[in-house]
Each structure stands twice: as structure tokens, then as C-alpha cells.
PDB file of N, CA and C in Angstrom:
ATOM      1  N   MET A   1      48.469 -46.646 -48.598  1.00  0.00           N
ATOM      2  CA  MET A   1      49.208 -47.069 -47.510  1.00  0.00           C
ATOM      3  C   MET A   1      50.295 -46.069 -46.824  1.00  0.00           C
ATOM      4  N   MET A   2      50.942 -45.546 -47.656  1.00  0.00           N
ATOM      5  CA  MET A   2      52.265 -44.789 -47.310  1.00  0.00           C
ATOM      6  C   MET A   2      51.220 -43.608 -46.149  1.00  0.00           C
ATOM      7  N   ASN A   3      50.010 -43.190 -46.362  1.00  0.00           N
ATOM      8  CA  ASN A   3      49.304 -42.494 -45.812  1.00  0.00           C
ATOM      9  C   ASN A   3      48.816 -42.810 -44.101  1.00  0.00           C
ATOM     10  N   ARG A   4      48.301 -44.137 -43.733  1.00  0.00           N
ATOM     11  CA  ARG A   4      47.748 -44.990 -43.222  1.00  0.00           C
ATOM     12  C   ARG A   4      49.448 -44.409 -42.068  1.00  0.00           C
ATOM     13  N   ILE A   5      50.611 -44.595 -42.728  1.00  0.00           N
ATOM     14  CA  ILE A   5      51.602 -45.168 -42.057  1.00  0.00           C
ATOM     15  C   ILE A   5      52.089 -44.316 -41.326  1.00  0.00           C
ATOM     16  N   SER A   6      51.590 -42.311 -42.121  1.00  0.00           N
ATOM     17  CA  SER A   6      52.580 -41.221 -41.629  1.00  0.00           C
ATOM     18  C   SER A   6      51.788 -40.850 -40.388  1.00  0.00           C
ATOM     19  N   ASN A   7      50.232 -41.793 -40.627  1.00  0.00           N
ATOM     20  CA  ASN A   7      48.980 -40.987 -39.601  1.00  0.00           C
ATOM     21  C   ASN A   7      49.389 -41.949 -38.485  1.00  0.00           C
ATOM     22  N   ASN A   8      50.120 -43.064 -38.120  1.00  0.00           N
ATOM     23  CA  ASN A   8      50.279 -43.918 -37.157  1.00  0.00           C
ATOM     24  C   ASN A   8      51.182 -44.721 -37.035  1.00  0.00           C
ATOM     25  N   PRO A   9      51.603 -43.925 -35.974  1.00  0.00           N
ATOM     26  CA  PRO A   9      52.798 -43.896 -35.241  1.00  0.00           C
ATOM     27  C   PRO A   9      53.341 -45.493 -35.049  1.00  0.00           C
ATOM     28  N   VAL A  10      52.304 -46.118 -34.634  1.00  0.00           N
ATOM     29  CA  VAL A  10      52.544 -47.394 -33.902  1.00  0.00           C
ATOM     30  C   VAL A  10      53.067 -48.190 -35.231  1.00  0.00           C
ATOM     31  N   LEU A  11      52.588 -48.189 -36.338  1.00  0.00           N
ATOM     32  CA  LEU A  11      52.749 -48.885 -37.924  1.00  0.00           C
ATOM     33  C   LEU A  11      53.496 -48.186 -38.286  1.00  0.00           C
ATOM     34  N   PHE A  12      54.157 -47.281 -37.842  1.00  0.00           N
ATOM     35  CA  PHE A  12      55.434 -47.287 -38.325  1.00  0.00           C
ATOM     36  C   PHE A  12      56.996 -46.961 -37.676  1.00  0.00           C
ATOM     37  N   LEU A  13      56.318 -47.294 -36.299  1.00  0.00           N
ATOM     38  CA  LEU A  13      57.166 -48.639 -35.966  1.00  0.00           C
ATOM     39  C   LEU A  13      57.577 -49.577 -36.240  1.00  0.00           C
ATOM     40  N   ASP A  14      56.563 -50.451 -35.985  1.00  0.00           N
ATOM     41  CA  ASP A  14      56.625 -51.575 -36.527  1.00  0.00           C
ATOM     42  C   ASP A  14      57.480 -51.812 -37.996  1.00  0.00           C
ATOM     43  N   TRP A  15      56.892 -51.363 -38.647  1.00  0.00           N
ATOM     44  CA  TRP A  15      57.918 -50.898 -40.301  1.00  0.00           C
ATOM     45  C   TRP A  15      59.047 -50.764 -39.875  1.00  0.00           C
ATOM     46  N   VAL A  16      59.542 -50.093 -38.949  1.00  0.00           N
ATOM     47  CA  VAL A  16      61.119 -49.697 -38.737  1.00  0.00           C
ATOM     48  C   VAL A  16      61.750 -50.950 -38.235  1.00  0.00           C
ATOM     49  N   LEU A  17      61.266 -51.391 -37.132  1.00  0.00           N
ATOM     50  CA  LEU A  17      61.347 -52.520 -36.245  1.00  0.00           C
ATOM     51  C   LEU A  17      61.500 -53.608 -37.867  1.00  0.00           C
ATOM     52  N   CYS A  18      60.707 -53.748 -38.452  1.00  0.00           N
ATOM     53  CA  CYS A  18      60.834 -55.124 -39.402  1.00  0.00           C
ATOM     54  C   CYS A  18      61.721 -55.055 -40.215  1.00  0.00           C
ATOM     55  N   CYS A  19      62.113 -53.662 -40.787  1.00  0.00           N
ATOM     56  CA  CYS A  19      63.197 -53.264 -41.945  1.00  0.00           C
ATOM     57  C   CYS A  19      64.490 -53.576 -41.296  1.00  0.00           C
ATOM     58  N   LEU A  20      64.721 -53.003 -39.694  1.00  0.00           N
ATOM     59  CA  LEU A  20      65.941 -52.933 -39.101  1.00  0.00           C
ATOM     60  C   LEU A  20      65.930 -54.874 -39.156  1.00  0.00           C
ATOM     61  N   PHE A  21      64.862 -55.297 -38.341  1.00  0.00           N
ATOM     62  CA  PHE A  21      65.844 -56.849 -37.819  1.00  0.00           C
ATOM     63  C   PHE A  21      65.798 -57.596 -39.629  1.00  0.00           C
ATOM     64  N   GLY A  22      65.460 -56.866 -40.243  1.00  0.00           N
ATOM     65  CA  GLY A  22      65.122 -57.855 -41.739  1.00  0.00           C
ATOM     66  C   GLY A  22      67.049 -57.680 -42.059  1.00  0.00           C
ATOM     67  N   SER A  23      67.288 -56.038 -42.366  1.00  0.00           N
ATOM     68  CA  SER A  23      68.511 -56.084 -42.908  1.00  0.00           C
ATOM     69  C   SER A  23      69.592 -56.607 -41.603  1.00  0.00           C
ATOM     70  N   LEU A  24      69.579 -56.631 -40.639  1.00  0.00           N
ATOM     71  CA  LEU A  24      69.980 -57.157 -39.835  1.00  0.00           C
ATOM     72  C   LEU A  24      70.223 -59.022 -39.799  1.00  0.00           C
ATOM     73  N   ALA A  25      69.494 -59.190 -40.648  1.00  0.00           N
ATOM     74  CA  ALA A  25      69.384 -60.788 -40.898  1.00  0.00           C
ATOM     75  C   ALA A  25      70.008 -60.723 -42.082  1.00  0.00           C
ATOM     76  N   LEU A  26      69.827 -60.534 -42.734  1.00  0.00           N
ATOM     77  CA  LEU A  26      70.637 -59.948 -44.672  1.00  0.00           C
ATOM     78  C   LEU A  26      72.346 -60.051 -44.367  1.00  0.00           C
ATOM     79  N   CYS A  27      72.321 -59.254 -43.230  1.00  0.00           N
ATOM     80  CA  CYS A  27      74.563 -58.778 -43.134  1.00  0.00           C
ATOM     81  C   CYS A  27      74.596 -60.359 -42.539  1.00  0.00           C
ATOM     82  N   GLY A  28      73.840 -61.073 -41.600  1.00  0.00           N
ATOM     83  CA  GLY A  28      74.098 -62.297 -40.706  1.00  0.00           C
ATOM     84  C   GLY A  28      74.121 -63.376 -42.150  1.00  0.00           C
ATOM     85  N   PHE A  29      73.669 -63.435 -42.927  1.00  0.00           N
ATOM     86  CA  PHE A  29      73.537 -64.672 -43.980  1.00  0.00           C
ATOM     87  C   PHE A  29      74.787 -64.259 -44.721  1.00  0.00           C
ATOM     88  N   ALA A  30      75.328 -62.759 -45.420  1.00  0.00           N
ATOM     89  CA  ALA A  30      76.501 -62.709 -45.582  1.00  0.00           C
ATOM     90  C   ALA A  30      77.674 -62.929 -45.045  1.00  0.00           C
ATOM     91  N   THR A  31      77.245 -62.449 -43.463  1.00  0.00           N
ATOM     92  CA  THR A  31      79.241 -62.905 -42.784  1.00  0.00           C
ATOM     93  C   THR A  31      78.908 -64.773 -42.716  1.00  0.00           C
ATOM     94  N   VAL A  32      77.789 -65.214 -42.579  1.00  0.00           N
ATOM     95  CA  VAL A  32      77.873 -66.411 -42.745  1.00  0.00           C
ATOM     96  C   VAL A  32      78.935 -67.566 -42.993  1.00  0.00           C
ATOM     97  N   PHE A  33      80.205 -66.678 -44.283  1.00  0.00           N
ATOM     98  CA  PHE A  33      80.659 -67.296 -45.168  1.00  0.00           C
ATOM     99  C   PHE A  33      82.240 -66.658 -44.609  1.00  0.00           C
ATOM    100  N   PHE A  34      82.608 -65.459 -43.298  1.00  0.00           N
ATOM    101  CA  PHE A  34      83.227 -65.380 -43.406  1.00  0.00           C
ATOM    102  C   PHE A  34      83.761 -65.242 -41.482  1.00  0.00           C
ATOM    103  N   VAL A  35      83.063 -66.252 -40.906  1.00  0.00           N
ATOM    104  CA  VAL A  35      83.648 -66.525 -39.793  1.00  0.00           C
ATOM    105  C   VAL A  35      83.922 -67.683 -39.513  1.00  0.00           C
ATOM    106  N   ALA A  36      84.521 -68.322 -38.555  1.00  0.00           N
ATOM    107  CA  ALA A  36      84.387 -69.739 -38.019  1.00  0.00           C
ATOM    108  C   ALA A  36      83.356 -70.338 -37.182  1.00  0.00           C
ATOM    109  N   ASP A  37      82.423 -69.722 -36.150  1.00  0.00           N
ATOM    110  CA  ASP A  37      81.870 -70.071 -35.485  1.00  0.00           C
ATOM    111  C   ASP A  37      80.223 -69.944 -36.371  1.00  0.00           C
ATOM    112  N   LYS A  38      80.191 -70.869 -37.408  1.00  0.00           N
ATOM    113  CA  LYS A  38      79.141 -70.653 -38.435  1.00  0.00           C
ATOM    114  C   LYS A  38      77.584 -71.367 -37.397  1.00  0.00           C
ATOM    115  N   GLN A  39      78.018 -71.984 -36.591  1.00  0.00           N
ATOM    116  CA  GLN A  39      76.314 -73.049 -35.651  1.00  0.00           C
ATOM    117  C   GLN A  39      75.933 -71.365 -35.356  1.00  0.00           C
ATOM    118  N   PHE A  40      76.382 -70.685 -33.855  1.00  0.00           N
ATOM    119  CA  PHE A  40      75.853 -69.639 -33.219  1.00  0.00           C
ATOM    120  C   PHE A  40      75.609 -68.635 -34.520  1.00  0.00           C
ATOM    121  N   LEU A  41      76.087 -68.280 -35.650  1.00  0.00           N
ATOM    122  CA  LEU A  41      75.906 -66.739 -36.447  1.00  0.00           C
ATOM    123  C   LEU A  41      74.958 -67.256 -37.116  1.00  0.00           C
ATOM    124  N   VAL A  42      74.392 -69.148 -37.725  1.00  0.00           N
ATOM    125  CA  VAL A  42      72.869 -69.263 -38.101  1.00  0.00           C
ATOM    126  C   VAL A  42      71.879 -68.789 -36.989  1.00  0.00           C
ATOM    127  N   GLY A  43      72.161 -69.224 -35.728  1.00  0.00           N
ATOM    128  CA  GLY A  43      71.377 -69.465 -34.798  1.00  0.00           C
ATOM    129  C   GLY A  43      70.648 -67.984 -34.475  1.00  0.00           C
ATOM    130  N   CYS A  44      71.504 -66.974 -34.326  1.00  0.00           N
ATOM    131  CA  CYS A  44      71.643 -65.895 -34.442  1.00  0.00           C
ATOM    132  C   CYS A  44      70.725 -65.093 -35.565  1.00  0.00           C
ATOM    133  N   THR A  45      71.200 -65.596 -37.017  1.00  0.00           N
ATOM    134  CA  THR A  45      70.648 -64.471 -38.447  1.00  0.00           C
ATOM    135  C   THR A  45      69.415 -65.285 -38.040  1.00  0.00           C
ATOM    136  N   PHE A  46      69.365 -66.616 -37.789  1.00  0.00           N
ATOM    137  CA  PHE A  46      67.421 -67.401 -37.499  1.00  0.00           C
ATOM    138  C   PHE A  46      66.379 -66.461 -36.956  1.00  0.00           C
ATOM    139  N   GLY A  47      67.095 -66.199 -35.515  1.00  0.00           N
ATOM    140  CA  GLY A  47      66.715 -65.218 -34.640  1.00  0.00           C
ATOM    141  C   GLY A  47      66.439 -63.555 -35.137  1.00  0.00           C
ATOM    142  N   LEU A  48      66.969 -63.559 -35.675  1.00  0.00           N
ATOM    143  CA  LEU A  48      66.886 -62.278 -36.464  1.00  0.00           C
ATOM    144  C   LEU A  48      65.358 -62.091 -37.241  1.00  0.00           C
ATOM    145  N   SER A  49      65.796 -62.987 -38.087  1.00  0.00           N
ATOM    146  CA  SER A  49      64.369 -63.278 -39.421  1.00  0.00           C
ATOM    147  C   SER A  49      63.483 -63.263 -38.530  1.00  0.00           C
ATOM    148  N   LEU A  50      63.382 -64.585 -37.969  1.00  0.00           N
ATOM    149  CA  LEU A  50      61.925 -64.266 -36.886  1.00  0.00           C
ATOM    150  C   LEU A  50      61.815 -63.285 -36.082  1.00  0.00           C
ATOM    151  N   MET A  51      62.175 -62.529 -35.616  1.00  0.00           N
ATOM    152  CA  MET A  51      61.819 -61.108 -35.000  1.00  0.00           C
ATOM    153  C   MET A  51      61.326 -60.068 -36.175  1.00  0.00           C
ATOM    154  N   SER A  52      61.842 -60.250 -37.379  1.00  0.00           N
ATOM    155  CA  SER A  52      61.463 -59.396 -38.636  1.00  0.00           C
ATOM    156  C   SER A  52      60.047 -60.061 -38.511  1.00  0.00           C
ATOM    157  N   LEU A  53      59.907 -60.976 -39.164  1.00  0.00           N
ATOM    158  CA  LEU A  53      58.620 -61.504 -39.363  1.00  0.00           C
ATOM    159  C   LEU A  53      57.544 -60.799 -38.574  1.00  0.00           C
ATOM    160  N   ILE A  54      57.948 -61.315 -37.044  1.00  0.00           N
ATOM    161  CA  ILE A  54      56.954 -60.958 -36.067  1.00  0.00           C
ATOM    162  C   ILE A  54      56.661 -59.623 -36.175  1.00  0.00           C
ATOM    163  N   TRP A  55      57.623 -58.334 -35.720  1.00  0.00           N
ATOM    164  CA  TRP A  55      57.469 -57.246 -36.139  1.00  0.00           C
ATOM    165  C   TRP A  55      56.628 -56.629 -37.375  1.00  0.00           C
ATOM    166  N   SER A  56      56.006 -57.426 -38.211  1.00  0.00           N
ATOM    167  CA  SER A  56      55.911 -57.408 -39.521  1.00  0.00           C
ATOM    168  C   SER A  56      54.772 -56.474 -39.486  1.00  0.00           C
ATOM    169  N   PRO A  57      54.083 -55.203 -40.274  1.00  0.00           N
ATOM    170  CA  PRO A  57      52.639 -54.870 -40.055  1.00  0.00           C
ATOM    171  C   PRO A  57      51.400 -55.492 -40.315  1.00  0.00           C
ATOM    172  N   LEU A  58      52.189 -56.415 -41.091  1.00  0.00           N
ATOM    173  CA  LEU A  58      50.888 -58.001 -41.892  1.00  0.00           C
ATOM    174  C   LEU A  58      50.337 -58.624 -40.889  1.00  0.00           C
ATOM    175  N   ILE A  59      51.224 -58.132 -39.745  1.00  0.00           N
ATOM    176  CA  ILE A  59      50.839 -58.986 -39.059  1.00  0.00           C
ATOM    177  C   ILE A  59      49.353 -58.769 -37.929  1.00  0.00           C
ATOM    178  N   HIS A  60      48.680 -58.721 -37.388  1.00  0.00           N
ATOM    179  CA  HIS A  60      47.575 -58.100 -36.035  1.00  0.00           C
ATOM    180  C   HIS A  60      48.270 -58.108 -35.130  1.00  0.00           C
ATOM    181  N   LYS A  61      48.412 -57.208 -34.290  1.00  0.00           N
ATOM    182  CA  LYS A  61      48.829 -57.606 -32.863  1.00  0.00           C
ATOM    183  C   LYS A  61      48.356 -56.518 -31.604  1.00  0.00           C
ATOM    184  N   THR A  62      47.947 -57.385 -30.734  1.00  0.00           N
ATOM    185  CA  THR A  62      46.919 -57.237 -29.789  1.00  0.00           C
ATOM    186  C   THR A  62      48.220 -55.999 -28.919  1.00  0.00           C
ATOM    187  N   GLY A  63      47.497 -55.116 -27.865  1.00  0.00           N
ATOM    188  CA  GLY A  63      48.630 -54.232 -26.911  1.00  0.00           C
ATOM    189  C   GLY A  63      49.523 -55.478 -25.993  1.00  0.00           C
ATOM    190  N   MET A  64      48.516 -56.508 -25.970  1.00  0.00           N
ATOM    191  CA  MET A  64      49.757 -57.433 -25.342  1.00  0.00           C
ATOM    192  C   MET A  64      50.198 -58.038 -25.901  1.00  0.00           C
ATOM    193  N   VAL A  65      50.272 -58.528 -26.961  1.00  0.00           N
ATOM    194  CA  VAL A  65      51.093 -59.177 -27.690  1.00  0.00           C
ATOM    195  C   VAL A  65      52.464 -57.855 -28.142  1.00  0.00           C
ATOM    196  N   ARG A  66      51.846 -56.690 -28.022  1.00  0.00           N
ATOM    197  CA  ARG A  66      53.110 -56.121 -28.515  1.00  0.00           C
ATOM    198  C   ARG A  66      53.861 -55.541 -27.049  1.00  0.00           C
ATOM    199  N   VAL A  67      53.448 -55.456 -25.519  1.00  0.00           N
ATOM    200  CA  VAL A  67      54.136 -55.600 -24.735  1.00  0.00           C
ATOM    201  C   VAL A  67      55.226 -56.497 -24.600  1.00  0.00           C
ATOM    202  N   ILE A  68      55.004 -57.740 -25.106  1.00  0.00           N
ATOM    203  CA  ILE A  68      55.676 -58.924 -25.025  1.00  0.00           C
ATOM    204  C   ILE A  68      56.771 -58.601 -26.044  1.00  0.00           C
ATOM    205  N   LEU A  69      56.353 -58.660 -27.507  1.00  0.00           N
ATOM    206  CA  LEU A  69      57.560 -58.043 -28.273  1.00  0.00           C
ATOM    207  C   LEU A  69      58.383 -57.185 -27.964  1.00  0.00           C
ATOM    208  N   ILE A  70      58.166 -55.855 -27.352  1.00  0.00           N
ATOM    209  CA  ILE A  70      59.026 -54.945 -26.555  1.00  0.00           C
ATOM    210  C   ILE A  70      59.630 -55.555 -25.790  1.00  0.00           C
ATOM    211  N   LEU A  71      59.365 -56.383 -24.935  1.00  0.00           N
ATOM    212  CA  LEU A  71      60.338 -57.278 -23.797  1.00  0.00           C
ATOM    213  C   LEU A  71      61.268 -57.975 -24.232  1.00  0.00           C
ATOM    214  N   MET A  72      60.802 -58.743 -25.409  1.00  0.00           N
ATOM    215  CA  MET A  72      61.348 -59.586 -26.159  1.00  0.00           C
ATOM    216  C   MET A  72      62.522 -58.723 -26.815  1.00  0.00           C
ATOM    217  N   THR A  73      62.302 -57.671 -27.566  1.00  0.00           N
ATOM    218  CA  THR A  73      63.344 -57.128 -28.215  1.00  0.00           C
ATOM    219  C   THR A  73      64.123 -56.613 -26.953  1.00  0.00           C
ATOM    220  N   LEU A  74      64.317 -56.036 -26.172  1.00  0.00           N
ATOM    221  CA  LEU A  74      65.225 -55.094 -25.402  1.00  0.00           C
ATOM    222  C   LEU A  74      65.599 -56.841 -24.173  1.00  0.00           C
ATOM    223  N   PHE A  75      65.093 -57.484 -24.620  1.00  0.00           N
ATOM    224  CA  PHE A  75      66.384 -58.278 -23.788  1.00  0.00           C
ATOM    225  C   PHE A  75      67.148 -59.143 -24.749  1.00  0.00           C
ATOM    226  N   ILE A  76      66.501 -59.316 -26.191  1.00  0.00           N
ATOM    227  CA  ILE A  76      67.289 -59.721 -27.110  1.00  0.00           C
ATOM    228  C   ILE A  76      68.871 -58.296 -27.051  1.00  0.00           C
ATOM    229  N   ALA A  77      68.288 -57.658 -27.280  1.00  0.00           N
ATOM    230  CA  ALA A  77      69.218 -56.103 -27.531  1.00  0.00           C
ATOM    231  C   ALA A  77      70.424 -56.097 -26.324  1.00  0.00           C
ATOM    232  N   ILE A  78      70.143 -56.095 -24.490  1.00  0.00           N
ATOM    233  CA  ILE A  78      70.635 -56.321 -24.271  1.00  0.00           C
ATOM    234  C   ILE A  78      71.603 -57.348 -23.886  1.00  0.00           C
ATOM    235  N   PHE A  79      71.446 -58.572 -24.294  1.00  0.00           N
ATOM    236  CA  PHE A  79      72.020 -60.357 -24.003  1.00  0.00           C
ATOM    237  C   PHE A  79      72.505 -60.251 -25.738  1.00  0.00           C
TER     238      PHE A  79
END
């Protein structure tokens, strides 16, 4: 498995983004107990969890789906 990741930079990017969104979602779950506006934070955490699942390397993605995912990720990062 690691040999495939080191040979394929796209698969490595999938792993990095999946881990990044997953860790951000876990941080979001932890901070729910410390903020007043829980509804907004739960919505953001749910979105991060879905992004982590979508970027998972276990899901086969075509080129068009990757372009849409990259645009959606950039949109979320900007706003």
C-alpha cells in the first residue's frame, strides 16, 4: 500500500487531504463543548467530515470529479 502511495502523487494528495479534513473535524467535535454557537460549529464539523469522506483514497474518482472536488475545497477554504 505504501509503495503505491509513494509512486502516485495524486493518491498521496488524497491521503493528505483526507487526514487534514478528518483531523479538523475531530477538532471541531472537541470544541463543541467550549463555544456558545453550537449549531454553526456542528454544521461546519459535519461539512468537514463529509469532505474527509469524499477525499478518502478508498473512493475511486474520475478526473472531472477531482476538478469539482478541488474547486469545492478552494471555495470552502476562501469562505
